[in-house]
Amino acid sequence: MRILWVKPGGLWPLTTGGRLRSFHTLAELSRRHRVVLLTTHGRDEDPEELAARLPGCERVVSFPHRAPKQGSAGLAAALVRSWLSELPVDVLKWRTPRLRAEATRLIESGGVDLCVADFLTAVPNLPLGGPVPVVLFEHNVEHVIWKRLAAAETRPLRKLLLEIEWRKMRRFEAKACARADLTLAVSEKDRAALVENSPGARVSAVSTGVDTSYFIPDGDRESPGRLVFTGSMNWYPNEDGVLRFMDEILPLIRREEPAAALTVVGRDPSPRLRQAAEPAGVRVTGAVDDIRPYVADGSVYVEPLRVGGGTRLKIFEALAMGKAVVSTTVGAEGLSLVPGEHLLVADEPAQFARAVVTLLRDEGRRRALGTAGRRLVEQRYGWPQVTREFEGYLEGVAR
């Protein structure tokens, strides 16, 4: 197949779950198909390094684009433009005229059999309904994330804006799924939510994967009482979950295990997070070159998300390293994991704290969960297996 892959927001470095999923899928597909990648890059990102990391791609074209950040004048301007458009502001800010022009040129040239719109933000950069089938790759159910953000917000003005945004996102997402030839979700739960929102759409689900040769167990490095969280800290659900953990859960853990310590690993932690971490005795690393030493150091991996969507690759990474995981229901949703066998699931602060304390005190239980998790991802969720599933859906659309 001749595949055009369109992904605003960049792919390198591999700092987010979405980038990891897209990158590894692309790397596998480009072994067997002719793939052209169109993407964007920010000021500190290197498009030449991305091309070098994807040598199987026929072409990698990246356009400079800086999406406005939260609280900036640029985002305020984008919000005003969004009110005059069908596009939610979180989609509009990724509209890139040069990217769309190049995608249109390639599609109209007849050199493409299939186009993948990677994330909902790719949709405004593509001519849907044209001569080439389009597969929309939905890493999240976007409107659900925004709906959860609105529900969790307590500031009246911000809550009002979020209420408007999630409803607009729901309408746009429904329309995009209906217009795509196929939408691929990352879990059965997400697939059902997308179908409910867009009843006439054709939606299927593909599995999430993990690099089981990169993430491997190293139990000898485990530090007693060490808890670890990983994730991009400029993604609001991650920040919200960590702040809640520090405020409501960690004190309960320390009542039982005073030496318990938390390390938060991920890029772009906000001043708000750093200020909260210092008096709580929490280590915040910021961006790191390799998260594996930090995960290996942890006795328990925690995932305290209460808002979010899609699936958390980082849980698979922790399991691949043989780690015991405690997660909220939202944090683990969409993953084919059995609570009590592969991880522990708890939502209320007292329950979450009790699960963590139980594991800190029981090395055998930690190792049993980690071993079961590692076995599961080895058997079912390596990137080659997952991409074969993805590839089969593309071939069905391209015929």
Protein backbone atom coordinates (compact mmCIF):
# COMPACT_ATOMS: atom_id res chain seq x y z
CA MET A 1 0.00 0.00 0.00
CA ARG A 2 0.97 3.62 -0.53
CA ILE A 3 0.07 5.24 2.79
CA LEU A 4 -0.07 8.94 3.57
CA TRP A 5 0.15 9.46 7.34
CA VAL A 6 -0.80 12.92 8.64
CA LYS A 7 0.06 13.78 12.26
CA PRO A 8 0.10 17.41 13.48
CA GLY A 9 1.98 17.92 16.71
CA GLY A 10 5.14 16.01 15.93
CA LEU A 11 6.47 12.55 16.67
CA TRP A 12 9.98 13.04 18.03
CA PRO A 13 11.15 12.90 20.74
CA LEU A 14 8.93 10.14 22.10
CA THR A 15 7.60 12.16 25.02
CA THR A 16 3.91 11.20 24.99
CA GLY A 17 1.87 8.05 24.75
CA GLY A 18 0.34 9.21 21.46
CA ARG A 19 3.75 9.76 19.91
CA LEU A 20 4.92 6.35 21.05
CA ARG A 21 1.88 4.61 19.61
CA SER A 22 2.12 6.42 16.28
CA PHE A 23 5.90 6.10 15.97
CA HIS A 24 6.02 2.36 16.57
CA THR A 25 3.04 1.73 14.30
CA LEU A 26 4.69 3.76 11.54
CA ALA A 27 8.03 2.00 12.01
CA GLU A 28 6.38 -1.40 11.61
CA LEU A 29 4.16 -0.39 8.67
CA SER A 30 7.08 1.13 6.77
CA ARG A 31 8.80 -2.27 6.70
CA ARG A 32 6.15 -3.58 4.31
CA HIS A 33 4.51 -0.52 2.72
CA ARG A 34 5.41 2.78 1.08
CA VAL A 35 4.74 5.39 3.74
CA VAL A 36 4.91 9.19 3.52
CA LEU A 37 4.65 11.02 6.84
CA LEU A 38 3.48 14.64 7.06
CA THR A 39 3.85 16.22 10.47
CA THR A 40 4.84 19.40 12.31
CA HIS A 41 7.59 20.31 14.73
CA GLY A 42 8.09 22.87 17.47
CA ARG A 43 11.03 25.14 18.09
CA ASP A 44 13.01 22.60 20.13
CA GLU A 45 12.21 19.54 18.00
CA ASP A 46 14.45 18.10 15.29
CA PRO A 47 12.65 16.90 12.12
CA GLU A 48 15.90 15.50 10.71
CA GLU A 49 16.27 13.27 13.76
CA LEU A 50 12.69 12.05 13.26
CA ALA A 51 13.45 11.14 9.64
CA ALA A 52 16.59 9.31 10.76
CA ARG A 53 14.55 7.33 13.29
CA LEU A 54 12.07 6.26 10.58
CA PRO A 55 14.40 5.06 7.81
CA GLY A 56 11.72 2.83 6.31
CA CYS A 57 9.47 5.76 5.43
CA GLU A 58 9.65 6.88 1.82
CA ARG A 59 9.49 10.54 2.91
CA VAL A 60 9.21 12.42 6.20
CA VAL A 61 8.06 16.03 5.77
CA SER A 62 7.73 18.26 8.81
CA PHE A 63 6.50 21.86 8.89
CA PRO A 64 7.30 24.28 11.71
CA HIS A 65 4.24 25.01 13.83
CA ARG A 66 3.83 26.24 17.40
CA ALA A 67 0.41 25.66 18.90
CA PRO A 68 -0.52 28.35 21.45
CA LYS A 69 -0.14 27.29 25.07
CA GLN A 70 -2.63 27.57 27.90
CA GLY A 71 -2.86 31.10 29.27
CA SER A 72 -1.16 32.70 26.26
CA ALA A 73 -2.48 35.53 24.10
CA GLY A 74 -2.27 33.15 21.15
CA LEU A 75 -4.66 30.72 22.78
CA ALA A 76 -7.07 33.55 23.59
CA ALA A 77 -7.00 34.56 19.91
CA ALA A 78 -7.55 30.92 18.88
CA LEU A 79 -10.51 30.73 21.25
CA VAL A 80 -12.11 33.76 19.57
CA ARG A 81 -11.54 32.23 16.13
CA SER A 82 -13.01 28.97 17.38
CA TRP A 83 -16.25 30.72 18.36
CA LEU A 84 -16.64 31.71 14.70
CA SER A 85 -15.86 28.21 13.44
CA GLU A 86 -17.13 24.65 13.77
CA LEU A 87 -13.70 23.68 15.08
CA PRO A 88 -13.13 23.29 18.84
CA VAL A 89 -10.21 25.42 19.97
CA ASP A 90 -8.07 22.35 20.76
CA VAL A 91 -8.44 21.26 17.13
CA LEU A 92 -8.25 24.69 15.55
CA LYS A 93 -4.87 25.45 17.13
CA TRP A 94 -3.35 22.57 15.13
CA ARG A 95 -4.70 23.68 11.75
CA THR A 96 -1.61 24.15 9.58
CA PRO A 97 -2.16 25.55 6.05
CA ARG A 98 1.15 24.27 4.63
CA LEU A 99 0.47 20.80 5.97
CA ARG A 100 -3.01 20.72 4.45
CA ALA A 101 -1.72 22.04 1.10
CA GLU A 102 0.91 19.28 0.89
CA ALA A 103 -1.57 16.58 1.92
CA THR A 104 -4.04 17.78 -0.71
CA ARG A 105 -1.33 17.84 -3.37
CA LEU A 106 -0.23 14.27 -2.63
CA ILE A 107 -3.78 12.96 -2.57
CA GLU A 108 -4.77 14.68 -5.80
CA SER A 109 -1.58 13.49 -7.53
CA GLY A 110 -2.86 9.92 -7.47
CA GLY A 111 0.16 8.60 -5.62
CA VAL A 112 -1.71 7.58 -2.48
CA ASP A 113 -3.88 4.51 -1.81
CA LEU A 114 -4.89 5.41 1.71
CA CYS A 115 -4.59 8.28 4.19
CA VAL A 116 -4.34 7.95 7.97
CA ALA A 117 -5.52 10.98 9.95
CA ASP A 118 -3.59 10.52 13.18
CA PHE A 119 -5.59 12.11 16.01
CA LEU A 120 -8.67 14.29 15.55
CA THR A 121 -6.36 17.30 15.07
CA ALA A 122 -5.36 15.89 11.67
CA VAL A 123 -8.89 16.24 10.28
CA PRO A 124 -8.78 20.00 9.43
CA ASN A 125 -5.52 19.31 7.59
CA LEU A 126 -7.06 16.80 5.19
CA PRO A 127 -9.65 16.87 2.41
CA LEU A 128 -12.07 14.27 3.79
CA GLY A 129 -14.49 12.89 1.25
CA GLY A 130 -11.93 13.04 -1.56
CA PRO A 131 -10.70 10.33 -3.92
CA VAL A 132 -8.63 8.50 -1.28
CA PRO A 133 -10.03 6.51 1.68
CA VAL A 134 -9.30 8.10 5.06
CA VAL A 135 -8.80 6.18 8.30
CA LEU A 136 -9.17 8.31 11.43
CA PHE A 137 -6.89 7.03 14.20
CA GLU A 138 -8.52 8.11 17.48
CA HIS A 139 -6.08 7.64 20.36
CA ASN A 140 -8.72 9.11 22.68
CA VAL A 141 -12.42 9.89 22.67
CA GLU A 142 -11.66 13.57 22.76
CA HIS A 143 -15.03 14.90 23.84
CA VAL A 144 -15.05 12.55 26.84
CA ILE A 145 -11.76 14.04 28.08
CA TRP A 146 -13.18 17.55 27.84
CA LYS A 147 -16.43 16.50 29.48
CA ARG A 148 -14.50 15.04 32.41
CA LEU A 149 -12.39 18.18 32.66
CA ALA A 150 -15.56 20.27 32.85
CA ALA A 151 -17.02 18.02 35.53
CA ALA A 152 -13.86 18.24 37.64
CA GLU A 153 -13.47 22.04 37.31
CA THR A 154 -14.60 24.20 40.24
CA ARG A 155 -13.80 27.70 38.93
CA PRO A 156 -17.09 29.07 37.44
CA LEU A 157 -15.73 30.86 34.36
CA ARG A 158 -13.35 28.09 33.40
CA LYS A 159 -16.09 25.51 33.98
CA LEU A 160 -18.40 27.41 31.61
CA LEU A 161 -15.73 27.52 28.90
CA LEU A 162 -15.05 23.81 29.31
CA GLU A 163 -18.76 23.01 29.10
CA ILE A 164 -18.92 24.87 25.78
CA GLU A 165 -15.75 23.21 24.52
CA TRP A 166 -16.70 19.61 25.25
CA ARG A 167 -20.07 19.97 23.52
CA LYS A 168 -18.41 21.52 20.49
CA MET A 169 -15.81 18.74 20.52
CA ARG A 170 -18.56 16.13 20.66
CA ARG A 171 -20.26 17.56 17.55
CA PHE A 172 -17.00 17.85 15.61
CA GLU A 173 -15.85 14.38 16.62
CA ALA A 174 -19.16 12.84 15.54
CA LYS A 175 -18.94 14.54 12.16
CA ALA A 176 -15.32 13.49 11.64
CA CYS A 177 -16.07 9.84 12.44
CA ALA A 178 -19.07 9.85 10.10
CA ARG A 179 -17.02 11.27 7.22
CA ALA A 180 -14.03 8.96 7.65
CA ASP A 181 -14.09 5.64 5.81
CA LEU A 182 -13.05 3.94 9.05
CA THR A 183 -12.28 5.12 12.56
CA LEU A 184 -9.86 3.11 14.70
CA ALA A 185 -10.19 3.42 18.47
CA VAL A 186 -7.65 2.08 20.96
CA SER A 187 -10.08 0.06 23.08
CA GLU A 188 -13.51 -1.51 22.90
CA LYS A 189 -14.76 1.02 25.43
CA ASP A 190 -13.61 3.89 23.22
CA ARG A 191 -15.12 2.21 20.16
CA ALA A 192 -18.50 1.98 21.87
CA ALA A 193 -18.34 5.63 22.93
CA LEU A 194 -17.51 6.78 19.39
CA VAL A 195 -20.34 4.70 17.90
CA GLU A 196 -22.77 6.11 20.46
CA ASN A 197 -21.70 9.63 19.51
CA SER A 198 -21.77 8.95 15.75
CA PRO A 199 -24.22 6.08 15.13
CA GLY A 200 -23.63 5.84 11.38
CA ALA A 201 -19.85 5.72 11.63
CA ARG A 202 -17.77 2.65 10.91
CA VAL A 203 -15.58 2.17 14.01
CA SER A 204 -13.26 -0.66 15.03
CA ALA A 205 -10.79 -1.10 17.87
CA VAL A 206 -7.08 -1.92 17.83
CA SER A 207 -4.88 -2.84 20.75
CA THR A 208 -2.28 -0.68 22.46
CA GLY A 209 1.29 -1.96 22.33
CA VAL A 210 4.62 -1.74 24.13
CA ASP A 211 8.27 -2.32 23.20
CA THR A 212 8.95 -5.46 25.24
CA SER A 213 12.62 -5.54 24.22
CA TYR A 214 13.20 -2.00 25.52
CA PHE A 215 11.14 -2.19 28.70
CA ILE A 216 12.41 -5.21 30.60
CA PRO A 217 12.33 -6.18 34.29
CA ASP A 218 15.13 -5.07 36.59
CA GLY A 219 13.78 -5.90 40.01
CA ASP A 220 17.18 -5.71 41.68
CA ARG A 221 17.08 -1.88 41.45
CA GLU A 222 13.89 -1.49 43.45
CA SER A 223 14.08 0.97 46.37
CA PRO A 224 11.94 0.24 49.45
CA GLY A 225 8.97 2.57 49.79
CA ARG A 226 9.56 4.26 46.45
CA LEU A 227 6.46 5.15 44.38
CA VAL A 228 6.78 6.35 40.79
CA PHE A 229 4.55 8.10 38.27
CA THR A 230 5.51 8.84 34.66
CA GLY A 231 3.80 11.01 32.08
CA SER A 232 3.89 14.33 30.24
CA MET A 233 3.15 16.85 32.93
CA ASN A 234 1.93 19.47 30.47
CA TRP A 235 -1.13 17.26 29.88
CA TYR A 236 -3.73 18.48 32.35
CA PRO A 237 -5.13 15.05 33.37
CA ASN A 238 -1.63 13.99 34.48
CA GLU A 239 -1.09 17.14 36.52
CA ASP A 240 -4.56 16.87 38.05
CA GLY A 241 -3.99 13.25 39.02
CA VAL A 242 -0.60 13.89 40.60
CA LEU A 243 -1.81 16.93 42.54
CA ARG A 244 -4.74 14.93 43.88
CA PHE A 245 -2.39 12.08 44.80
CA MET A 246 -0.09 14.41 46.72
CA ASP A 247 -2.96 16.12 48.51
CA GLU A 248 -5.36 13.28 49.27
CA ILE A 249 -3.58 9.93 48.94
CA LEU A 250 0.10 10.29 49.83
CA PRO A 251 -0.62 11.55 53.38
CA LEU A 252 -2.75 8.43 54.01
CA ILE A 253 0.06 6.20 52.74
CA ARG A 254 2.59 7.94 55.00
CA ARG A 255 0.43 7.36 58.06
CA GLU A 256 1.10 3.67 57.55
CA GLU A 257 4.49 3.87 55.81
CA PRO A 258 6.24 7.09 56.87
CA ALA A 259 9.22 6.45 54.59
CA ALA A 260 7.08 6.29 51.43
CA ALA A 261 8.40 8.64 48.73
CA LEU A 262 7.03 9.65 45.33
CA THR A 263 8.99 10.47 42.16
CA VAL A 264 7.12 12.21 39.33
CA VAL A 265 8.87 11.77 35.97
CA GLY A 266 7.80 13.75 32.92
CA ARG A 267 8.42 16.86 30.89
CA ASP A 268 7.15 20.38 31.48
CA PRO A 269 5.93 20.26 35.07
CA SER A 270 4.13 23.51 35.85
CA PRO A 271 5.17 25.97 38.57
CA ARG A 272 1.97 24.99 40.36
CA LEU A 273 3.06 21.35 40.48
CA ARG A 274 6.60 22.14 41.58
CA GLN A 275 5.33 24.44 44.32
CA ALA A 276 2.99 21.73 45.62
CA ALA A 277 5.68 19.04 45.43
CA GLU A 278 8.28 20.76 47.58
CA PRO A 279 6.38 20.86 50.90
CA ALA A 280 4.98 17.37 50.16
CA GLY A 281 8.50 15.96 49.86
CA VAL A 282 7.86 14.78 46.30
CA ARG A 283 10.62 14.62 43.73
CA VAL A 284 9.73 16.12 40.32
CA THR A 285 12.35 15.37 37.68
CA GLY A 286 11.09 17.21 34.61
CA ALA A 287 12.16 15.76 31.24
CA VAL A 288 14.56 12.81 31.35
CA ASP A 289 16.37 10.97 28.58
CA ASP A 290 15.26 7.55 29.80
CA ILE A 291 12.40 6.77 32.19
CA ARG A 292 13.45 3.16 32.76
CA PRO A 293 15.85 3.76 35.68
CA TYR A 294 13.12 5.68 37.51
CA VAL A 295 10.50 3.00 36.91
CA ALA A 296 12.99 0.30 37.95
CA ASP A 297 13.67 2.20 41.18
CA GLY A 298 10.00 2.14 42.15
CA SER A 299 8.49 -0.50 44.38
CA VAL A 300 5.00 0.46 43.15
CA TYR A 301 3.95 2.30 40.01
CA VAL A 302 0.93 4.59 40.59
CA GLU A 303 -1.58 5.91 38.05
CA PRO A 304 -4.04 8.20 39.89
CA LEU A 305 -5.85 9.75 36.90
CA ARG A 306 -9.44 10.83 37.39
CA VAL A 307 -9.93 12.47 33.97
CA GLY A 308 -8.58 11.35 30.61
CA GLY A 309 -9.37 9.12 27.65
CA GLY A 310 -7.84 6.51 25.39
CA THR A 311 -5.42 4.03 26.95
CA ARG A 312 -2.30 4.55 29.03
CA LEU A 313 0.76 3.11 27.32
CA LYS A 314 2.75 3.91 30.45
CA ILE A 315 0.88 1.19 32.36
CA PHE A 316 1.98 -1.34 29.75
CA GLU A 317 5.53 0.02 30.07
CA ALA A 318 5.45 -0.48 33.83
CA LEU A 319 4.04 -3.99 33.41
CA ALA A 320 6.68 -4.81 30.80
CA MET A 321 9.26 -3.91 33.46
CA GLY A 322 7.60 -6.30 35.89
CA LYS A 323 6.21 -3.58 38.14
CA ALA A 324 3.24 -3.79 40.48
CA VAL A 325 0.72 -1.12 39.44
CA VAL A 326 -2.04 0.62 41.36
CA SER A 327 -4.40 2.61 39.14
CA THR A 328 -7.76 4.32 39.18
CA THR A 329 -10.48 2.93 36.94
CA VAL A 330 -9.99 5.86 34.55
CA GLY A 331 -6.23 5.31 34.51
CA ALA A 332 -6.58 1.67 33.47
CA GLU A 333 -9.66 1.92 31.27
CA GLY A 334 -9.46 0.38 27.84
CA LEU A 335 -6.62 -1.98 28.76
CA SER A 336 -7.35 -5.71 28.77
CA LEU A 337 -6.14 -6.18 32.31
CA VAL A 338 -7.70 -8.20 35.11
CA PRO A 339 -7.81 -6.34 38.45
CA GLY A 340 -6.15 -8.44 41.14
CA GLU A 341 -4.23 -10.45 38.55
CA HIS A 342 -2.29 -7.83 36.56
CA LEU A 343 -2.75 -4.72 38.73
CA LEU A 344 -4.78 -3.28 41.60
CA VAL A 345 -7.58 -0.80 40.88
CA ALA A 346 -8.89 1.73 43.40
CA ASP A 347 -10.69 5.05 43.01
CA GLU A 348 -11.32 6.53 46.46
CA PRO A 349 -8.25 8.01 48.19
CA ALA A 350 -8.47 5.65 51.20
CA GLN A 351 -8.81 2.60 48.93
CA PHE A 352 -5.94 3.72 46.72
CA ALA A 353 -3.71 4.33 49.74
CA ARG A 354 -4.59 0.94 51.22
CA ALA A 355 -3.72 -0.82 47.94
CA VAL A 356 -0.34 0.91 47.81
CA VAL A 357 0.46 0.14 51.45
CA THR A 358 -0.51 -3.50 50.97
CA LEU A 359 1.96 -3.83 48.10
CA LEU A 360 4.74 -1.95 49.86
CA ARG A 361 4.48 -4.48 52.70
CA ASP A 362 4.21 -7.60 50.54
CA GLU A 363 7.13 -8.23 48.19
CA GLY A 364 5.67 -11.55 47.03
CA ARG A 365 2.44 -9.88 45.96
CA ARG A 366 4.34 -7.15 44.11
CA ARG A 367 6.39 -9.70 42.22
CA ALA A 368 3.35 -11.84 41.38
CA LEU A 369 1.52 -8.87 39.84
CA GLY A 370 4.63 -7.75 37.96
CA THR A 371 5.30 -11.24 36.60
CA ALA A 372 1.72 -11.66 35.41
CA GLY A 373 1.78 -8.24 33.75
CA ARG A 374 5.07 -8.93 31.99
CA ARG A 375 3.79 -12.28 30.72
CA LEU A 376 0.62 -10.67 29.34
CA VAL A 377 2.34 -7.91 27.36
CA GLU A 378 4.94 -10.33 26.00
CA GLN A 379 2.24 -12.66 24.68
CA ARG A 380 -0.21 -10.14 23.25
CA TYR A 381 0.98 -6.55 23.10
CA GLY A 382 4.37 -6.30 21.40
CA TRP A 383 4.37 -3.72 18.59
CA PRO A 384 4.76 -6.29 15.77
CA GLN A 385 1.59 -8.12 16.88
CA VAL A 386 -0.38 -4.93 17.43
CA THR A 387 0.64 -3.41 14.09
CA ARG A 388 -0.41 -6.53 12.17
CA GLU A 389 -3.89 -5.96 13.57
CA PHE A 390 -3.77 -2.28 12.57
CA GLU A 391 -2.46 -3.20 9.12
CA GLY A 392 -5.33 -5.59 8.51
CA TYR A 393 -7.85 -2.78 8.97
CA LEU A 394 -5.95 -0.54 6.56
CA GLU A 395 -5.85 -3.25 3.92
CA GLY A 396 -9.60 -3.74 4.24
CA VAL A 397 -10.24 -0.04 3.58
CA ALA A 398 -7.71 0.28 0.75
CA ARG A 399 -9.23 -2.52 -1.33
